[in-house]
Amino acid sequence: MPFLVTAVVLIAVLCLLNLLLTFGVIRKLRAQADEKADRVADGLIIPAGSAVPGFSAVTTAGERITREGLGETMLGFFSPDCRACKERLPLFVEQARTTARATGRSVLAVVHGTDEEAREQVAALSEVAHVVVEPGDGPLGEAFDITGYPVFGLITVDGTLSATAFDPGRLPAPSKATV
């Protein structure tokens, strides 16, 4: 009987160690996937830490916007024919709504496509952001050197792109101190 109890305890300990090892491997794989996603975002937009070149564009509401006029801004670039854009759009809208409420930070959304193609995304974004629809080689696409979608970023008051991400949830959380 003592041999059986010892065997059961030993098997239980081995199962717990195996479970801990499995959780550790899963955690490491997730961290690597997040790092890979961040590297992907760096290739889609000018690198974080870069000064944002000056630009001028007209929003769907008819406002003229410039880099200097926006101040601290959360931004996102979308394309109507991009599946990942459709998946991340609701998260961007929610984060934009939270950001505007918490800090008063400006939100800029750029949709690269025609007015007709962009209609659905513009409707979702208009309540929470300044929305610009332009071709891929428009002034904002050129200023940020956009090469893929979706991509998100934060512009500081001094005009520096402080963070980029492939997922808006990975951008730094807003704080009132940055207003």
N, C-alpha and C. Protein backbone atom coordinates (compact mmCIF):
# COMPACT_ATOMS: atom_id res chain seq x y z
N MET A 1 0.81 -1.20 0.00
CA MET A 1 0.00 0.00 0.00
C MET A 1 0.85 1.27 0.00
N PRO A 2 1.94 1.35 0.83
CA PRO A 2 2.79 2.55 0.79
C PRO A 2 3.40 2.78 -0.60
N PHE A 3 3.70 1.67 -1.29
CA PHE A 3 4.26 1.81 -2.64
C PHE A 3 3.23 2.48 -3.57
N LEU A 4 1.97 2.10 -3.47
CA LEU A 4 0.90 2.67 -4.30
C LEU A 4 0.70 4.16 -4.01
N VAL A 5 0.69 4.52 -2.72
CA VAL A 5 0.52 5.94 -2.33
C VAL A 5 1.69 6.76 -2.86
N THR A 6 2.89 6.24 -2.73
CA THR A 6 4.08 6.94 -3.22
C THR A 6 3.99 7.13 -4.74
N ALA A 7 3.56 6.12 -5.44
CA ALA A 7 3.44 6.21 -6.90
C ALA A 7 2.40 7.25 -7.29
N VAL A 8 1.27 7.30 -6.61
CA VAL A 8 0.22 8.28 -6.92
C VAL A 8 0.72 9.70 -6.66
N VAL A 9 1.39 9.89 -5.52
CA VAL A 9 1.93 11.22 -5.19
C VAL A 9 2.98 11.63 -6.24
N LEU A 10 3.85 10.72 -6.61
CA LEU A 10 4.88 11.01 -7.61
C LEU A 10 4.24 11.39 -8.96
N ILE A 11 3.24 10.65 -9.37
CA ILE A 11 2.55 10.96 -10.63
C ILE A 11 1.86 12.32 -10.53
N ALA A 12 1.24 12.62 -9.40
CA ALA A 12 0.59 13.93 -9.22
C ALA A 12 1.61 15.06 -9.31
N VAL A 13 2.76 14.89 -8.69
CA VAL A 13 3.80 15.92 -8.74
C VAL A 13 4.30 16.10 -10.18
N LEU A 14 4.51 14.99 -10.88
CA LEU A 14 4.95 15.07 -12.28
C LEU A 14 3.90 15.78 -13.15
N CYS A 15 2.63 15.49 -12.90
CA CYS A 15 1.56 16.17 -13.67
C CYS A 15 1.56 17.67 -13.39
N LEU A 16 1.75 18.07 -12.14
CA LEU A 16 1.80 19.50 -11.81
C LEU A 16 3.00 20.18 -12.47
N LEU A 17 4.15 19.52 -12.44
CA LEU A 17 5.34 20.09 -13.10
C LEU A 17 5.11 20.22 -14.60
N ASN A 18 4.49 19.20 -15.20
CA ASN A 18 4.19 19.26 -16.63
C ASN A 18 3.23 20.40 -16.93
N LEU A 19 2.24 20.61 -16.09
CA LEU A 19 1.29 21.70 -16.28
C LEU A 19 1.98 23.06 -16.17
N LEU A 20 2.84 23.22 -15.18
CA LEU A 20 3.58 24.48 -15.03
C LEU A 20 4.48 24.73 -16.23
N LEU A 21 5.15 23.70 -16.71
CA LEU A 21 6.01 23.83 -17.89
C LEU A 21 5.18 24.23 -19.11
N THR A 22 4.02 23.63 -19.28
CA THR A 22 3.14 23.95 -20.41
C THR A 22 2.69 25.41 -20.34
N PHE A 23 2.29 25.89 -19.16
CA PHE A 23 1.89 27.29 -19.03
C PHE A 23 3.06 28.23 -19.34
N GLY A 24 4.24 27.86 -18.92
CA GLY A 24 5.42 28.68 -19.21
C GLY A 24 5.70 28.76 -20.70
N VAL A 25 5.57 27.64 -21.39
CA VAL A 25 5.80 27.62 -22.84
C VAL A 25 4.74 28.47 -23.55
N ILE A 26 3.48 28.34 -23.14
CA ILE A 26 2.41 29.14 -23.75
C ILE A 26 2.66 30.63 -23.53
N ARG A 27 3.05 30.99 -22.33
CA ARG A 27 3.33 32.40 -22.03
C ARG A 27 4.47 32.94 -22.90
N LYS A 28 5.52 32.15 -23.05
CA LYS A 28 6.66 32.55 -23.87
C LYS A 28 6.24 32.71 -25.34
N LEU A 29 5.42 31.78 -25.86
CA LEU A 29 4.96 31.88 -27.24
C LEU A 29 4.10 33.12 -27.46
N ARG A 30 3.27 33.45 -26.49
CA ARG A 30 2.45 34.66 -26.63
C ARG A 30 3.32 35.91 -26.65
N ALA A 31 4.33 35.95 -25.79
CA ALA A 31 5.23 37.11 -25.75
C ALA A 31 5.95 37.25 -27.09
N GLN A 32 6.38 36.11 -27.66
CA GLN A 32 7.06 36.17 -28.96
C GLN A 32 6.11 36.65 -30.05
N ALA A 33 4.86 36.22 -30.00
CA ALA A 33 3.87 36.67 -31.00
C ALA A 33 3.63 38.17 -30.88
N ASP A 34 3.56 38.69 -29.65
CA ASP A 34 3.37 40.13 -29.45
C ASP A 34 4.57 40.92 -29.97
N GLU A 35 5.78 40.43 -29.70
CA GLU A 35 6.98 41.10 -30.20
C GLU A 35 6.99 41.11 -31.72
N LYS A 36 6.60 39.99 -32.32
CA LYS A 36 6.55 39.91 -33.78
C LYS A 36 5.54 40.90 -34.35
N ALA A 37 4.38 41.00 -33.70
CA ALA A 37 3.35 41.96 -34.16
C ALA A 37 3.87 43.39 -34.07
N ASP A 38 4.61 43.71 -33.02
CA ASP A 38 5.16 45.06 -32.89
C ASP A 38 6.19 45.33 -33.98
N ARG A 39 7.02 44.33 -34.31
CA ARG A 39 8.01 44.52 -35.38
C ARG A 39 7.32 44.73 -36.72
N VAL A 40 6.21 44.02 -36.93
CA VAL A 40 5.44 44.18 -38.17
C VAL A 40 4.94 45.61 -38.27
N ALA A 41 4.43 46.17 -37.17
CA ALA A 41 3.91 47.54 -37.19
C ALA A 41 5.01 48.53 -37.52
N ASP A 42 6.23 48.29 -37.05
CA ASP A 42 7.32 49.22 -37.34
C ASP A 42 7.60 49.31 -38.83
N GLY A 43 7.34 48.25 -39.57
CA GLY A 43 7.58 48.29 -41.01
C GLY A 43 6.45 48.91 -41.80
N LEU A 44 5.30 49.12 -41.16
CA LEU A 44 4.14 49.65 -41.86
C LEU A 44 4.01 51.16 -41.79
N ILE A 45 4.77 51.79 -40.91
CA ILE A 45 4.66 53.22 -40.64
C ILE A 45 6.05 53.72 -40.26
N ILE A 46 6.25 55.03 -40.29
CA ILE A 46 7.55 55.54 -39.87
C ILE A 46 7.84 55.04 -38.46
N PRO A 47 9.10 54.81 -38.13
CA PRO A 47 9.43 54.22 -36.83
C PRO A 47 9.04 55.10 -35.64
N ALA A 48 8.69 54.46 -34.54
CA ALA A 48 8.43 55.19 -33.30
C ALA A 48 9.66 55.99 -32.94
N GLY A 49 9.46 57.22 -32.50
CA GLY A 49 10.57 58.11 -32.17
C GLY A 49 10.87 59.10 -33.29
N SER A 50 10.27 58.87 -34.46
CA SER A 50 10.50 59.77 -35.60
C SER A 50 9.64 61.03 -35.47
N ALA A 51 10.15 62.11 -36.01
CA ALA A 51 9.35 63.34 -36.09
C ALA A 51 8.35 63.16 -37.24
N VAL A 52 7.11 63.50 -36.98
CA VAL A 52 6.08 63.40 -38.02
C VAL A 52 6.22 64.60 -38.93
N PRO A 53 6.40 64.36 -40.23
CA PRO A 53 6.50 65.49 -41.16
C PRO A 53 5.19 66.28 -41.17
N GLY A 54 5.28 67.55 -41.52
CA GLY A 54 4.08 68.36 -41.61
C GLY A 54 3.14 67.84 -42.68
N PHE A 55 1.86 68.01 -42.48
CA PHE A 55 0.87 67.59 -43.48
C PHE A 55 -0.35 68.49 -43.35
N SER A 56 -1.15 68.44 -44.37
CA SER A 56 -2.42 69.15 -44.37
C SER A 56 -3.41 68.27 -45.12
N ALA A 57 -4.59 68.10 -44.55
CA ALA A 57 -5.61 67.26 -45.17
C ALA A 57 -6.98 67.79 -44.75
N VAL A 58 -8.00 67.36 -45.46
CA VAL A 58 -9.37 67.78 -45.16
C VAL A 58 -10.15 66.56 -44.69
N THR A 59 -10.85 66.71 -43.56
CA THR A 59 -11.62 65.60 -43.01
C THR A 59 -12.94 65.44 -43.76
N THR A 60 -13.64 64.35 -43.47
CA THR A 60 -14.95 64.12 -44.09
C THR A 60 -15.96 65.16 -43.62
N ALA A 61 -15.68 65.85 -42.51
CA ALA A 61 -16.55 66.92 -42.01
C ALA A 61 -16.19 68.28 -42.61
N GLY A 62 -15.18 68.30 -43.46
CA GLY A 62 -14.77 69.54 -44.12
C GLY A 62 -13.76 70.37 -43.36
N GLU A 63 -13.22 69.86 -42.26
CA GLU A 63 -12.21 70.60 -41.48
C GLU A 63 -10.83 70.39 -42.10
N ARG A 64 -10.02 71.42 -42.12
CA ARG A 64 -8.63 71.28 -42.54
C ARG A 64 -7.81 70.95 -41.30
N ILE A 65 -7.02 69.91 -41.38
CA ILE A 65 -6.19 69.52 -40.23
C ILE A 65 -4.73 69.56 -40.65
N THR A 66 -3.90 69.91 -39.68
CA THR A 66 -2.46 69.88 -39.87
C THR A 66 -1.84 69.21 -38.66
N ARG A 67 -0.59 68.82 -38.78
CA ARG A 67 0.10 68.19 -37.65
C ARG A 67 0.11 69.13 -36.45
N GLU A 68 0.41 70.37 -36.69
CA GLU A 68 0.52 71.32 -35.60
C GLU A 68 -0.83 71.58 -34.93
N GLY A 69 -1.91 71.48 -35.68
CA GLY A 69 -3.23 71.77 -35.13
C GLY A 69 -3.83 70.64 -34.32
N LEU A 70 -3.28 69.44 -34.42
CA LEU A 70 -3.87 68.30 -33.72
C LEU A 70 -3.42 68.17 -32.28
N GLY A 71 -2.21 68.54 -31.97
CA GLY A 71 -1.68 68.31 -30.62
C GLY A 71 -1.43 66.82 -30.42
N GLU A 72 -1.59 66.35 -29.19
CA GLU A 72 -1.38 64.93 -28.92
C GLU A 72 -2.52 64.14 -29.55
N THR A 73 -2.16 63.12 -30.32
CA THR A 73 -3.15 62.45 -31.15
C THR A 73 -2.93 60.94 -31.18
N MET A 74 -4.03 60.22 -31.09
CA MET A 74 -4.03 58.78 -31.37
C MET A 74 -4.47 58.65 -32.82
N LEU A 75 -3.77 57.84 -33.62
CA LEU A 75 -4.14 57.74 -35.02
C LEU A 75 -4.21 56.29 -35.47
N GLY A 76 -4.98 56.10 -36.52
CA GLY A 76 -5.10 54.77 -37.11
C GLY A 76 -5.28 54.88 -38.61
N PHE A 77 -4.64 53.97 -39.33
CA PHE A 77 -4.77 53.90 -40.78
C PHE A 77 -5.50 52.62 -41.14
N PHE A 78 -6.50 52.76 -42.02
CA PHE A 78 -7.35 51.63 -42.41
C PHE A 78 -7.45 51.59 -43.93
N SER A 79 -7.84 50.42 -44.42
CA SER A 79 -8.15 50.24 -45.83
C SER A 79 -9.46 49.47 -45.93
N PRO A 80 -10.35 49.84 -46.84
CA PRO A 80 -11.64 49.15 -46.93
C PRO A 80 -11.54 47.67 -47.29
N ASP A 81 -10.52 47.27 -48.02
CA ASP A 81 -10.42 45.88 -48.44
C ASP A 81 -9.47 45.05 -47.58
N CYS A 82 -9.27 45.47 -46.35
CA CYS A 82 -8.34 44.80 -45.43
C CYS A 82 -9.15 44.09 -44.34
N ARG A 83 -9.00 42.76 -44.26
CA ARG A 83 -9.75 41.99 -43.27
C ARG A 83 -9.32 42.33 -41.85
N ALA A 84 -8.03 42.51 -41.62
CA ALA A 84 -7.53 42.87 -40.28
C ALA A 84 -8.06 44.24 -39.85
N CYS A 85 -8.26 45.14 -40.83
CA CYS A 85 -8.81 46.46 -40.50
C CYS A 85 -10.23 46.31 -39.96
N LYS A 86 -11.02 45.46 -40.59
CA LYS A 86 -12.39 45.24 -40.15
C LYS A 86 -12.42 44.61 -38.76
N GLU A 87 -11.46 43.74 -38.47
CA GLU A 87 -11.40 43.10 -37.15
C GLU A 87 -11.00 44.08 -36.06
N ARG A 88 -10.09 44.99 -36.37
CA ARG A 88 -9.57 45.90 -35.34
C ARG A 88 -10.34 47.22 -35.23
N LEU A 89 -11.18 47.51 -36.19
CA LEU A 89 -11.94 48.77 -36.18
C LEU A 89 -12.76 48.95 -34.90
N PRO A 90 -13.53 47.96 -34.44
CA PRO A 90 -14.30 48.17 -33.20
C PRO A 90 -13.40 48.44 -31.99
N LEU A 91 -12.26 47.80 -31.91
CA LEU A 91 -11.34 48.05 -30.80
C LEU A 91 -10.79 49.47 -30.88
N PHE A 92 -10.45 49.93 -32.10
CA PHE A 92 -9.96 51.29 -32.26
C PHE A 92 -11.02 52.29 -31.85
N VAL A 93 -12.26 52.07 -32.27
CA VAL A 93 -13.35 52.98 -31.92
C VAL A 93 -13.52 53.04 -30.41
N GLU A 94 -13.51 51.89 -29.76
CA GLU A 94 -13.67 51.87 -28.30
C GLU A 94 -12.50 52.57 -27.61
N GLN A 95 -11.30 52.28 -28.07
CA GLN A 95 -10.13 52.93 -27.47
C GLN A 95 -10.14 54.43 -27.74
N ALA A 96 -10.57 54.83 -28.91
CA ALA A 96 -10.66 56.26 -29.23
C ALA A 96 -11.68 56.94 -28.32
N ARG A 97 -12.80 56.28 -28.12
CA ARG A 97 -13.83 56.84 -27.24
C ARG A 97 -13.27 56.99 -25.81
N THR A 98 -12.58 55.98 -25.33
CA THR A 98 -11.99 56.01 -23.99
C THR A 98 -10.93 57.11 -23.90
N THR A 99 -10.09 57.19 -24.93
CA THR A 99 -9.02 58.18 -24.95
C THR A 99 -9.57 59.59 -24.93
N ALA A 100 -10.57 59.84 -25.75
CA ALA A 100 -11.13 61.19 -25.81
C ALA A 100 -11.76 61.57 -24.47
N ARG A 101 -12.45 60.62 -23.86
CA ARG A 101 -13.09 60.89 -22.56
C ARG A 101 -12.06 61.10 -21.46
N ALA A 102 -11.04 60.28 -21.43
CA ALA A 102 -10.07 60.31 -20.33
C ALA A 102 -9.09 61.47 -20.43
N THR A 103 -8.68 61.82 -21.64
CA THR A 103 -7.59 62.79 -21.76
C THR A 103 -7.90 63.98 -22.65
N GLY A 104 -8.89 63.88 -23.47
CA GLY A 104 -9.14 64.93 -24.44
C GLY A 104 -8.21 64.85 -25.63
N ARG A 105 -7.43 63.78 -25.72
CA ARG A 105 -6.50 63.57 -26.81
C ARG A 105 -7.27 63.52 -28.14
N SER A 106 -6.73 64.12 -29.18
CA SER A 106 -7.34 64.05 -30.50
C SER A 106 -7.23 62.63 -31.04
N VAL A 107 -8.15 62.29 -31.90
CA VAL A 107 -8.11 60.99 -32.56
C VAL A 107 -8.23 61.26 -34.06
N LEU A 108 -7.33 60.67 -34.82
CA LEU A 108 -7.32 60.82 -36.27
C LEU A 108 -7.38 59.43 -36.90
N ALA A 109 -8.34 59.25 -37.78
CA ALA A 109 -8.45 57.99 -38.52
C ALA A 109 -8.34 58.31 -40.01
N VAL A 110 -7.51 57.56 -40.68
CA VAL A 110 -7.30 57.75 -42.11
C VAL A 110 -7.72 56.47 -42.82
N VAL A 111 -8.61 56.61 -43.79
CA VAL A 111 -9.04 55.47 -44.59
C VAL A 111 -8.52 55.69 -46.00
N HIS A 112 -7.73 54.73 -46.46
CA HIS A 112 -7.19 54.82 -47.82
C HIS A 112 -8.09 54.07 -48.78
N GLY A 113 -8.76 54.82 -49.63
CA GLY A 113 -9.68 54.24 -50.60
C GLY A 113 -10.55 55.34 -51.16
N THR A 114 -11.54 54.95 -51.95
CA THR A 114 -12.48 55.94 -52.48
C THR A 114 -13.57 56.21 -51.44
N ASP A 115 -14.31 57.30 -51.64
CA ASP A 115 -15.39 57.63 -50.70
C ASP A 115 -16.40 56.49 -50.61
N GLU A 116 -16.72 55.91 -51.74
CA GLU A 116 -17.71 54.82 -51.75
C GLU A 116 -17.17 53.57 -51.04
N GLU A 117 -15.92 53.23 -51.28
CA GLU A 117 -15.33 52.06 -50.63
C GLU A 117 -15.21 52.25 -49.12
N ALA A 118 -14.93 53.49 -48.71
CA ALA A 118 -14.66 53.77 -47.30
C ALA A 118 -15.91 54.08 -46.49
N ARG A 119 -17.06 54.12 -47.12
CA ARG A 119 -18.30 54.57 -46.47
C ARG A 119 -18.56 53.84 -45.14
N GLU A 120 -18.45 52.55 -45.11
CA GLU A 120 -18.75 51.78 -43.90
C GLU A 120 -17.78 52.12 -42.76
N GLN A 121 -16.50 52.19 -43.07
CA GLN A 121 -15.51 52.51 -42.03
C GLN A 121 -15.65 53.96 -41.57
N VAL A 122 -15.94 54.86 -42.48
CA VAL A 122 -16.12 56.27 -42.11
C VAL A 122 -17.31 56.40 -41.16
N ALA A 123 -18.38 55.68 -41.43
CA ALA A 123 -19.55 55.75 -40.55
C ALA A 123 -19.20 55.29 -39.13
N ALA A 124 -18.40 54.25 -39.02
CA ALA A 124 -18.01 53.75 -37.69
C ALA A 124 -17.05 54.69 -36.98
N LEU A 125 -16.20 55.37 -37.73
CA LEU A 125 -15.15 56.20 -37.13
C LEU A 125 -15.57 57.65 -36.87
N SER A 126 -16.55 58.13 -37.58
CA SER A 126 -16.90 59.56 -37.53
C SER A 126 -17.30 60.06 -36.14
N GLU A 127 -17.90 59.21 -35.34
CA GLU A 127 -18.33 59.66 -34.00
C GLU A 127 -17.17 59.90 -33.05
N VAL A 128 -16.03 59.26 -33.29
CA VAL A 128 -14.94 59.32 -32.31
C VAL A 128 -13.66 59.94 -32.85
N ALA A 129 -13.61 60.26 -34.14
CA ALA A 129 -12.33 60.69 -34.71
C ALA A 129 -12.52 61.71 -35.82
N HIS A 130 -11.45 62.46 -36.08
CA HIS A 130 -11.35 63.22 -37.32
C HIS A 130 -11.05 62.17 -38.39
N VAL A 131 -11.86 62.09 -39.40
CA VAL A 131 -11.69 61.04 -40.42
C VAL A 131 -11.28 61.68 -41.73
N VAL A 132 -10.24 61.14 -42.31
CA VAL A 132 -9.77 61.58 -43.62
C VAL A 132 -9.83 60.39 -44.56
N VAL A 133 -10.43 60.59 -45.71
CA VAL A 133 -10.43 59.57 -46.77
C VAL A 133 -9.53 60.10 -47.87
N GLU A 134 -8.55 59.30 -48.24
CA GLU A 134 -7.61 59.71 -49.27
C GLU A 134 -7.07 58.47 -49.97
N PRO A 135 -6.49 58.64 -51.16
CA PRO A 135 -5.82 57.50 -51.80
C PRO A 135 -4.57 57.12 -51.00
N GLY A 136 -4.05 55.96 -51.24
CA GLY A 136 -2.87 55.48 -50.50
C GLY A 136 -1.68 56.41 -50.59
N ASP A 137 -1.59 57.18 -51.66
CA ASP A 137 -0.47 58.12 -51.79
C ASP A 137 -0.89 59.55 -51.42
N GLY A 138 -1.95 59.68 -50.60
CA GLY A 138 -2.41 60.98 -50.14
C GLY A 138 -1.42 61.60 -49.16
N PRO A 139 -1.69 62.83 -48.72
CA PRO A 139 -0.73 63.54 -47.86
C PRO A 139 -0.43 62.84 -46.53
N LEU A 140 -1.42 62.22 -45.93
CA LEU A 140 -1.17 61.54 -44.66
C LEU A 140 -0.43 60.21 -44.89
N GLY A 141 -0.80 59.49 -45.93
CA GLY A 141 -0.10 58.25 -46.25
C GLY A 141 1.37 58.52 -46.56
N GLU A 142 1.62 59.60 -47.28
CA GLU A 142 3.00 59.98 -47.60
C GLU A 142 3.75 60.44 -46.35
N ALA A 143 3.10 61.25 -45.53
CA ALA A 143 3.78 61.77 -44.32
C ALA A 143 4.19 60.64 -43.38
N PHE A 144 3.33 59.64 -43.25
CA PHE A 144 3.62 58.55 -42.32
C PHE A 144 4.26 57.33 -43.01
N ASP A 145 4.49 57.43 -44.32
CA ASP A 145 5.13 56.37 -45.08
C ASP A 145 4.42 55.01 -44.87
N ILE A 146 3.11 55.03 -45.05
CA ILE A 146 2.29 53.84 -44.81
C ILE A 146 2.53 52.80 -45.90
N THR A 147 2.80 51.55 -45.48
CA THR A 147 3.02 50.46 -46.44
C THR A 147 2.09 49.28 -46.19
N GLY A 148 1.23 49.35 -45.18
CA GLY A 148 0.30 48.26 -44.89
C GLY A 148 -0.74 48.70 -43.88
N TYR A 149 -1.75 47.83 -43.70
CA TYR A 149 -2.88 48.17 -42.83
C TYR A 149 -3.25 46.99 -41.96
N PRO A 150 -3.93 47.24 -40.87
CA PRO A 150 -4.07 48.50 -40.17
C PRO A 150 -2.80 48.79 -39.38
N VAL A 151 -2.60 50.02 -39.08
CA VAL A 151 -1.48 50.41 -38.24
C VAL A 151 -1.93 51.60 -37.39
N PHE A 152 -1.43 51.63 -36.16
CA PHE A 152 -1.88 52.62 -35.20
C PHE A 152 -0.67 53.29 -34.55
N GLY A 153 -0.88 54.50 -34.03
CA GLY A 153 0.23 55.21 -33.41
C GLY A 153 -0.25 56.34 -32.52
N LEU A 154 0.73 56.89 -31.80
CA LEU A 154 0.48 58.05 -30.95
C LEU A 154 1.44 59.16 -31.33
N ILE A 155 0.90 60.35 -31.49
CA ILE A 155 1.73 61.53 -31.78
C ILE A 155 1.75 62.38 -30.53
N THR A 156 2.93 62.80 -30.11
CA THR A 156 3.05 63.67 -28.94
C THR A 156 2.78 65.11 -29.34
N VAL A 157 2.70 65.97 -28.35
CA VAL A 157 2.45 67.40 -28.60
C VAL A 157 3.54 68.01 -29.47
N ASP A 158 4.79 67.54 -29.31
CA ASP A 158 5.88 68.12 -30.10
C ASP A 158 6.00 67.52 -31.50
N GLY A 159 5.06 66.65 -31.89
CA GLY A 159 5.06 66.12 -33.24
C GLY A 159 5.90 64.88 -33.46
N THR A 160 6.19 64.14 -32.41
CA THR A 160 6.95 62.91 -32.51
C THR A 160 5.99 61.72 -32.48
N LEU A 161 6.22 60.74 -33.33
CA LEU A 161 5.44 59.51 -33.27
C LEU A 161 6.02 58.69 -32.12
N SER A 162 5.33 58.65 -30.99
CA SER A 162 5.90 58.06 -29.79
C SER A 162 5.71 56.56 -29.69
N ALA A 163 4.69 56.00 -30.35
CA ALA A 163 4.45 54.55 -30.28
C ALA A 163 3.72 54.12 -31.53
N THR A 164 3.97 52.89 -31.95
CA THR A 164 3.24 52.30 -33.06
C THR A 164 2.80 50.91 -32.65
N ALA A 165 1.75 50.42 -33.30
CA ALA A 165 1.28 49.06 -33.01
C ALA A 165 0.43 48.56 -34.16
N PHE A 166 0.37 47.26 -34.27
CA PHE A 166 -0.48 46.61 -35.24
C PHE A 166 -1.87 46.42 -34.66
N ASP A 167 -1.97 46.59 -33.35
CA ASP A 167 -3.23 46.41 -32.63
C ASP A 167 -3.42 47.64 -31.73
N PRO A 168 -4.56 48.35 -31.84
CA PRO A 168 -4.71 49.56 -31.02
C PRO A 168 -4.67 49.28 -29.52
N GLY A 169 -4.98 48.06 -29.11
CA GLY A 169 -4.92 47.70 -27.70
C GLY A 169 -3.50 47.67 -27.15
N ARG A 170 -2.50 47.66 -28.03
CA ARG A 170 -1.11 47.62 -27.58
C ARG A 170 -0.49 49.01 -27.47
N LEU A 171 -1.25 50.04 -27.82
CA LEU A 171 -0.74 51.40 -27.63
C LEU A 171 -0.74 51.73 -26.14
N PRO A 172 0.16 52.59 -25.68
CA PRO A 172 0.16 52.97 -24.26
C PRO A 172 -1.18 53.56 -23.85
N ALA A 173 -1.58 53.24 -22.65
CA ALA A 173 -2.86 53.72 -22.13
C ALA A 173 -2.80 55.23 -21.94
N PRO A 174 -3.92 55.89 -22.18
CA PRO A 174 -3.94 57.35 -21.99
C PRO A 174 -3.81 57.71 -20.51
N SER A 175 -3.18 58.84 -20.27
CA SER A 175 -3.11 59.35 -18.91
C SER A 175 -3.40 60.83 -18.95
N LYS A 176 -3.99 61.35 -17.89
CA LYS A 176 -4.32 62.77 -17.85
C LYS A 176 -3.07 63.62 -17.81
N ALA A 177 -1.94 63.05 -17.36
CA ALA A 177 -0.70 63.80 -17.26
C ALA A 177 -0.17 64.19 -18.64
N THR A 178 -0.58 63.45 -19.70
CA THR A 178 -0.06 63.75 -21.02
C THR A 178 -0.86 64.80 -21.75
N VAL A 179 -1.95 65.27 -21.16
CA VAL A 179 -2.78 66.27 -21.84
C VAL A 179 -2.11 67.60 -21.84
